[in-house]
Amino acid sequence: MHLIARAMPAIVATVVLVSVSAPAAAAVRICKAPVTGRQREAASEAQARKLALDSWIAEAGKLGPNFVSWQLAINKKLSCQGSALTSYRCQAVGQPCTISQVPPPKGPLPKPKGKGYDI
């Protein structure tokens, strides 16, 4: 137990040095207002779903090429109606999103104040 207590200051100092010296970069999701694709009709539900998603992608693409991913969209809904006796109608609605990388800070990192350790 005494060994752990004596080693703790060195462990804490190492963690502080590593966290201060390494710049962090993060990815953030950027989302726009909801987009509604046009209602699309087809003989099969699978085809109607595909056409509805294609319509949503075309509408979302008006916001820029980075916003066309249905997988990244939030609050999404793909609703279909119909039956094999008639036809299927589907429509896609969702908020298009993109992922943006936040660049690390430019220039050298500030040196820690007080009794720091030189790296």
N, C-alpha and C. Protein backbone atom coordinates (compact mmCIF):
# COMPACT_ATOMS: atom_id res chain seq x y z
N MET A 1 0.82 -1.19 0.00
CA MET A 1 0.00 0.00 0.00
C MET A 1 0.86 1.26 0.00
N HIS A 2 1.98 1.21 0.79
CA HIS A 2 2.86 2.38 0.86
C HIS A 2 3.54 2.63 -0.47
N LEU A 3 3.79 1.56 -1.24
CA LEU A 3 4.41 1.71 -2.54
C LEU A 3 3.50 2.49 -3.50
N ILE A 4 2.22 2.19 -3.45
CA ILE A 4 1.25 2.90 -4.29
C ILE A 4 1.16 4.36 -3.89
N ALA A 5 1.14 4.62 -2.59
CA ALA A 5 1.05 6.00 -2.11
C ALA A 5 2.28 6.81 -2.53
N ARG A 6 3.47 6.18 -2.52
CA ARG A 6 4.68 6.90 -2.92
C ARG A 6 4.74 7.10 -4.43
N ALA A 7 4.15 6.19 -5.20
CA ALA A 7 4.20 6.30 -6.66
C ALA A 7 3.13 7.22 -7.22
N MET A 8 2.09 7.51 -6.45
CA MET A 8 0.96 8.30 -6.94
C MET A 8 1.36 9.67 -7.47
N PRO A 9 2.22 10.46 -6.81
CA PRO A 9 2.59 11.76 -7.38
C PRO A 9 3.24 11.64 -8.77
N ALA A 10 4.06 10.63 -8.97
CA ALA A 10 4.69 10.44 -10.28
C ALA A 10 3.67 10.07 -11.34
N ILE A 11 2.69 9.26 -10.97
CA ILE A 11 1.63 8.87 -11.91
C ILE A 11 0.80 10.08 -12.29
N VAL A 12 0.43 10.88 -11.31
CA VAL A 12 -0.36 12.08 -11.58
C VAL A 12 0.42 13.05 -12.46
N ALA A 13 1.69 13.23 -12.19
CA ALA A 13 2.51 14.15 -13.00
C ALA A 13 2.61 13.66 -14.44
N THR A 14 2.72 12.36 -14.63
CA THR A 14 2.79 11.81 -15.99
C THR A 14 1.49 12.04 -16.74
N VAL A 15 0.37 11.81 -16.07
CA VAL A 15 -0.93 12.02 -16.70
C VAL A 15 -1.11 13.49 -17.08
N VAL A 16 -0.72 14.40 -16.20
CA VAL A 16 -0.84 15.83 -16.48
C VAL A 16 0.04 16.22 -17.66
N LEU A 17 1.26 15.72 -17.70
CA LEU A 17 2.16 16.05 -18.81
C LEU A 17 1.62 15.55 -20.14
N VAL A 18 1.12 14.34 -20.15
CA VAL A 18 0.59 13.78 -21.40
C VAL A 18 -0.63 14.56 -21.84
N SER A 19 -1.53 14.91 -20.93
CA SER A 19 -2.75 15.62 -21.32
C SER A 19 -2.47 17.05 -21.75
N VAL A 20 -1.43 17.68 -21.21
CA VAL A 20 -1.10 19.05 -21.58
C VAL A 20 -0.34 19.08 -22.90
N SER A 21 0.48 18.07 -23.17
CA SER A 21 1.36 18.12 -24.32
C SER A 21 0.73 17.62 -25.61
N ALA A 22 -0.37 16.89 -25.55
CA ALA A 22 -0.95 16.32 -26.76
C ALA A 22 -2.15 17.15 -27.20
N PRO A 23 -2.09 17.75 -28.42
CA PRO A 23 -3.24 18.50 -28.90
C PRO A 23 -4.38 17.53 -29.24
N ALA A 24 -5.58 17.94 -28.96
CA ALA A 24 -6.74 17.09 -29.21
C ALA A 24 -7.47 17.56 -30.46
N ALA A 25 -7.92 16.61 -31.23
CA ALA A 25 -8.74 16.91 -32.39
C ALA A 25 -10.02 16.10 -32.24
N ALA A 26 -11.13 16.68 -32.62
CA ALA A 26 -12.40 15.99 -32.46
C ALA A 26 -13.23 16.13 -33.72
N ALA A 27 -14.09 15.16 -33.92
CA ALA A 27 -15.04 15.24 -35.02
C ALA A 27 -16.39 15.69 -34.45
N VAL A 28 -17.06 16.54 -35.17
CA VAL A 28 -18.37 17.01 -34.73
C VAL A 28 -19.39 16.78 -35.84
N ARG A 29 -20.61 16.48 -35.43
CA ARG A 29 -21.70 16.31 -36.39
C ARG A 29 -22.39 17.65 -36.56
N ILE A 30 -22.57 18.06 -37.80
CA ILE A 30 -23.26 19.31 -38.13
C ILE A 30 -24.52 18.93 -38.89
N CYS A 31 -25.67 19.35 -38.37
CA CYS A 31 -26.95 18.97 -38.97
C CYS A 31 -27.73 20.21 -39.42
N LYS A 32 -28.54 20.01 -40.43
CA LYS A 32 -29.39 21.07 -40.97
C LYS A 32 -30.85 20.80 -40.61
N ALA A 33 -31.72 21.69 -41.04
CA ALA A 33 -33.16 21.53 -40.80
C ALA A 33 -33.67 20.30 -41.55
N PRO A 34 -34.79 19.74 -41.11
CA PRO A 34 -35.33 18.55 -41.77
C PRO A 34 -35.58 18.76 -43.26
N VAL A 35 -35.32 17.71 -44.01
CA VAL A 35 -35.55 17.69 -45.46
C VAL A 35 -36.57 16.60 -45.74
N THR A 36 -37.53 16.91 -46.61
CA THR A 36 -38.55 15.94 -47.01
C THR A 36 -38.38 15.63 -48.49
N GLY A 37 -38.16 14.35 -48.77
CA GLY A 37 -38.08 13.92 -50.16
C GLY A 37 -39.49 13.81 -50.74
N ARG A 38 -39.58 13.70 -52.04
CA ARG A 38 -40.88 13.56 -52.69
C ARG A 38 -41.42 12.15 -52.46
N GLN A 39 -42.73 12.04 -52.40
CA GLN A 39 -43.35 10.72 -52.28
C GLN A 39 -43.14 9.98 -53.60
N ARG A 40 -42.68 8.74 -53.52
CA ARG A 40 -42.40 7.95 -54.72
C ARG A 40 -43.22 6.68 -54.71
N GLU A 41 -43.63 6.25 -55.89
CA GLU A 41 -44.50 5.09 -56.04
C GLU A 41 -43.84 4.05 -56.92
N ALA A 42 -44.02 2.77 -56.54
CA ALA A 42 -43.47 1.67 -57.33
C ALA A 42 -44.28 0.40 -57.06
N ALA A 43 -44.10 -0.61 -57.90
CA ALA A 43 -44.84 -1.87 -57.76
C ALA A 43 -44.39 -2.65 -56.53
N SER A 44 -43.12 -2.54 -56.15
CA SER A 44 -42.63 -3.25 -54.96
C SER A 44 -42.27 -2.24 -53.88
N GLU A 45 -42.38 -2.67 -52.63
CA GLU A 45 -42.02 -1.78 -51.53
C GLU A 45 -40.53 -1.46 -51.56
N ALA A 46 -39.70 -2.44 -51.88
CA ALA A 46 -38.26 -2.21 -51.94
C ALA A 46 -37.91 -1.13 -52.97
N GLN A 47 -38.55 -1.19 -54.11
CA GLN A 47 -38.29 -0.19 -55.15
C GLN A 47 -38.81 1.19 -54.73
N ALA A 48 -39.98 1.23 -54.10
CA ALA A 48 -40.54 2.51 -53.64
C ALA A 48 -39.64 3.12 -52.56
N ARG A 49 -39.10 2.29 -51.68
CA ARG A 49 -38.19 2.77 -50.63
C ARG A 49 -36.92 3.36 -51.27
N LYS A 50 -36.37 2.66 -52.25
CA LYS A 50 -35.16 3.14 -52.93
C LYS A 50 -35.43 4.48 -53.62
N LEU A 51 -36.55 4.57 -54.30
CA LEU A 51 -36.87 5.82 -54.99
C LEU A 51 -37.08 6.97 -54.00
N ALA A 52 -37.72 6.67 -52.86
CA ALA A 52 -37.93 7.70 -51.84
C ALA A 52 -36.60 8.18 -51.26
N LEU A 53 -35.69 7.25 -50.99
CA LEU A 53 -34.37 7.63 -50.48
C LEU A 53 -33.58 8.42 -51.52
N ASP A 54 -33.68 8.02 -52.78
CA ASP A 54 -33.01 8.78 -53.85
C ASP A 54 -33.54 10.22 -53.90
N SER A 55 -34.85 10.38 -53.71
CA SER A 55 -35.44 11.71 -53.71
C SER A 55 -34.93 12.53 -52.53
N TRP A 56 -34.85 11.90 -51.34
CA TRP A 56 -34.35 12.60 -50.15
C TRP A 56 -32.90 13.03 -50.38
N ILE A 57 -32.09 12.14 -50.93
CA ILE A 57 -30.68 12.45 -51.18
C ILE A 57 -30.56 13.62 -52.15
N ALA A 58 -31.40 13.65 -53.16
CA ALA A 58 -31.37 14.77 -54.12
C ALA A 58 -31.72 16.08 -53.43
N GLU A 59 -32.73 16.07 -52.57
CA GLU A 59 -33.12 17.29 -51.84
C GLU A 59 -32.03 17.71 -50.85
N ALA A 60 -31.48 16.75 -50.11
CA ALA A 60 -30.43 17.06 -49.14
C ALA A 60 -29.18 17.58 -49.86
N GLY A 61 -28.94 17.09 -51.06
CA GLY A 61 -27.78 17.53 -51.84
C GLY A 61 -27.82 19.00 -52.18
N LYS A 62 -28.98 19.61 -52.13
CA LYS A 62 -29.09 21.06 -52.39
C LYS A 62 -28.40 21.87 -51.29
N LEU A 63 -28.18 21.22 -50.13
CA LEU A 63 -27.49 21.88 -49.01
C LEU A 63 -25.97 21.77 -49.15
N GLY A 64 -25.53 20.94 -50.06
CA GLY A 64 -24.10 20.72 -50.27
C GLY A 64 -23.82 19.23 -50.37
N PRO A 65 -22.74 18.88 -51.04
CA PRO A 65 -22.44 17.47 -51.27
C PRO A 65 -22.12 16.68 -50.00
N ASN A 66 -21.79 17.35 -48.93
CA ASN A 66 -21.46 16.65 -47.68
C ASN A 66 -22.70 16.24 -46.88
N PHE A 67 -23.88 16.63 -47.32
CA PHE A 67 -25.10 16.36 -46.55
C PHE A 67 -25.98 15.28 -47.18
N VAL A 68 -25.44 14.44 -48.03
CA VAL A 68 -26.27 13.47 -48.75
C VAL A 68 -26.30 12.08 -48.12
N SER A 69 -25.75 11.90 -46.94
CA SER A 69 -25.70 10.58 -46.31
C SER A 69 -26.94 10.33 -45.45
N TRP A 70 -27.76 9.38 -45.86
CA TRP A 70 -28.93 8.98 -45.07
C TRP A 70 -28.47 8.36 -43.76
N GLN A 71 -27.33 7.67 -43.76
CA GLN A 71 -26.82 7.03 -42.55
C GLN A 71 -26.44 8.05 -41.48
N LEU A 72 -25.96 9.22 -41.88
CA LEU A 72 -25.57 10.25 -40.91
C LEU A 72 -26.75 11.12 -40.47
N ALA A 73 -27.86 11.06 -41.19
CA ALA A 73 -29.02 11.90 -40.87
C ALA A 73 -29.58 11.53 -39.49
N ILE A 74 -30.23 12.51 -38.86
CA ILE A 74 -30.90 12.26 -37.58
C ILE A 74 -32.40 12.51 -37.75
N ASN A 75 -33.14 12.05 -36.79
CA ASN A 75 -34.61 12.21 -36.81
C ASN A 75 -35.18 11.79 -38.16
N LYS A 76 -34.73 10.64 -38.63
CA LYS A 76 -35.14 10.20 -39.96
C LYS A 76 -36.30 9.21 -39.90
N LYS A 77 -37.10 9.26 -40.95
CA LYS A 77 -38.26 8.38 -41.04
C LYS A 77 -38.50 8.06 -42.51
N LEU A 78 -38.63 6.79 -42.79
CA LEU A 78 -38.97 6.33 -44.14
C LEU A 78 -40.29 5.60 -44.02
N SER A 79 -41.35 6.25 -44.45
CA SER A 79 -42.69 5.67 -44.28
C SER A 79 -43.24 5.22 -45.63
N CYS A 80 -43.93 4.08 -45.60
CA CYS A 80 -44.49 3.50 -46.81
C CYS A 80 -45.94 3.09 -46.57
N GLN A 81 -46.72 3.15 -47.63
CA GLN A 81 -48.12 2.72 -47.62
C GLN A 81 -48.36 1.93 -48.89
N GLY A 82 -49.38 1.08 -48.85
CA GLY A 82 -49.76 0.35 -50.05
C GLY A 82 -49.74 -1.15 -49.82
N SER A 83 -49.91 -1.88 -50.92
CA SER A 83 -49.91 -3.33 -50.86
C SER A 83 -49.50 -3.89 -52.21
N ALA A 84 -49.25 -5.19 -52.24
CA ALA A 84 -48.85 -5.84 -53.48
C ALA A 84 -49.99 -5.84 -54.49
N LEU A 85 -51.24 -5.66 -54.02
CA LEU A 85 -52.38 -5.63 -54.94
C LEU A 85 -52.45 -4.33 -55.72
N THR A 86 -51.97 -3.26 -55.11
CA THR A 86 -52.00 -1.95 -55.79
C THR A 86 -50.57 -1.54 -56.10
N SER A 87 -50.04 -0.62 -55.33
CA SER A 87 -48.64 -0.22 -55.45
C SER A 87 -48.21 0.35 -54.10
N TYR A 88 -46.95 0.61 -53.97
CA TYR A 88 -46.41 1.15 -52.72
C TYR A 88 -45.98 2.60 -52.95
N ARG A 89 -46.24 3.42 -51.93
CA ARG A 89 -45.81 4.82 -51.94
C ARG A 89 -44.96 5.05 -50.69
N CYS A 90 -43.79 5.57 -50.87
CA CYS A 90 -42.88 5.82 -49.74
C CYS A 90 -42.36 7.25 -49.79
N GLN A 91 -42.02 7.75 -48.60
CA GLN A 91 -41.47 9.10 -48.48
C GLN A 91 -40.45 9.10 -47.36
N ALA A 92 -39.33 9.79 -47.58
CA ALA A 92 -38.25 9.88 -46.60
C ALA A 92 -38.17 11.31 -46.05
N VAL A 93 -38.03 11.40 -44.73
CA VAL A 93 -37.86 12.69 -44.05
C VAL A 93 -36.72 12.54 -43.06
N GLY A 94 -35.86 13.54 -42.96
CA GLY A 94 -34.78 13.49 -41.98
C GLY A 94 -33.93 14.73 -42.03
N GLN A 95 -33.17 14.93 -40.97
CA GLN A 95 -32.25 16.07 -40.91
C GLN A 95 -30.89 15.63 -41.44
N PRO A 96 -30.46 16.18 -42.57
CA PRO A 96 -29.16 15.80 -43.12
C PRO A 96 -28.02 16.33 -42.25
N CYS A 97 -27.01 15.49 -42.09
CA CYS A 97 -25.85 15.86 -41.27
C CYS A 97 -24.57 15.52 -42.00
N THR A 98 -23.50 16.13 -41.55
CA THR A 98 -22.17 15.82 -42.04
C THR A 98 -21.24 15.77 -40.84
N ILE A 99 -20.08 15.19 -41.03
CA ILE A 99 -19.06 15.14 -39.98
C ILE A 99 -17.96 16.10 -40.37
N SER A 100 -17.57 16.95 -39.44
CA SER A 100 -16.50 17.91 -39.68
C SER A 100 -15.40 17.69 -38.65
N GLN A 101 -14.17 17.71 -39.12
CA GLN A 101 -13.03 17.58 -38.21
C GLN A 101 -12.69 18.96 -37.66
N VAL A 102 -12.51 19.04 -36.36
CA VAL A 102 -12.10 20.28 -35.73
C VAL A 102 -10.57 20.25 -35.70
N PRO A 103 -9.91 21.18 -36.38
CA PRO A 103 -8.46 21.13 -36.44
C PRO A 103 -7.83 21.43 -35.08
N PRO A 104 -6.64 20.87 -34.83
CA PRO A 104 -5.94 21.21 -33.59
C PRO A 104 -5.51 22.66 -33.60
N PRO A 105 -5.23 23.24 -32.44
CA PRO A 105 -4.82 24.65 -32.40
C PRO A 105 -3.52 24.85 -33.18
N LYS A 106 -3.38 26.04 -33.76
CA LYS A 106 -2.18 26.37 -34.53
C LYS A 106 -1.11 26.93 -33.60
N GLY A 107 0.14 26.67 -33.96
CA GLY A 107 1.25 27.21 -33.20
C GLY A 107 1.62 26.31 -32.03
N PRO A 108 2.64 26.70 -31.31
CA PRO A 108 3.10 25.88 -30.18
C PRO A 108 2.10 25.93 -29.03
N LEU A 109 2.10 24.86 -28.27
CA LEU A 109 1.23 24.80 -27.10
C LEU A 109 1.83 25.67 -25.99
N PRO A 110 0.99 26.29 -25.18
CA PRO A 110 1.52 27.09 -24.08
C PRO A 110 2.18 26.20 -23.04
N LYS A 111 3.24 26.72 -22.41
CA LYS A 111 3.92 25.97 -21.37
C LYS A 111 3.10 26.06 -20.07
N PRO A 112 3.07 24.97 -19.31
CA PRO A 112 2.34 25.00 -18.05
C PRO A 112 2.96 25.98 -17.09
N LYS A 113 2.11 26.64 -16.27
CA LYS A 113 2.60 27.61 -15.30
C LYS A 113 2.97 26.89 -14.00
N GLY A 114 3.82 27.48 -13.26
CA GLY A 114 4.21 26.90 -11.97
C GLY A 114 5.37 25.95 -12.15
N LYS A 115 5.46 24.99 -11.23
CA LYS A 115 6.54 24.01 -11.26
C LYS A 115 6.21 22.93 -12.27
N GLY A 116 6.53 23.17 -13.51
CA GLY A 116 6.28 22.19 -14.55
C GLY A 116 7.50 21.37 -14.86
N TYR A 117 7.32 20.44 -15.72
CA TYR A 117 8.42 19.60 -16.14
C TYR A 117 8.71 19.91 -17.60
N ASP A 118 9.98 20.00 -17.96
CA ASP A 118 10.37 20.20 -19.35
C ASP A 118 10.19 18.89 -20.09
N ILE A 119 9.67 19.01 -21.29
CA ILE A 119 9.46 17.79 -22.08
C ILE A 119 10.57 17.66 -23.08
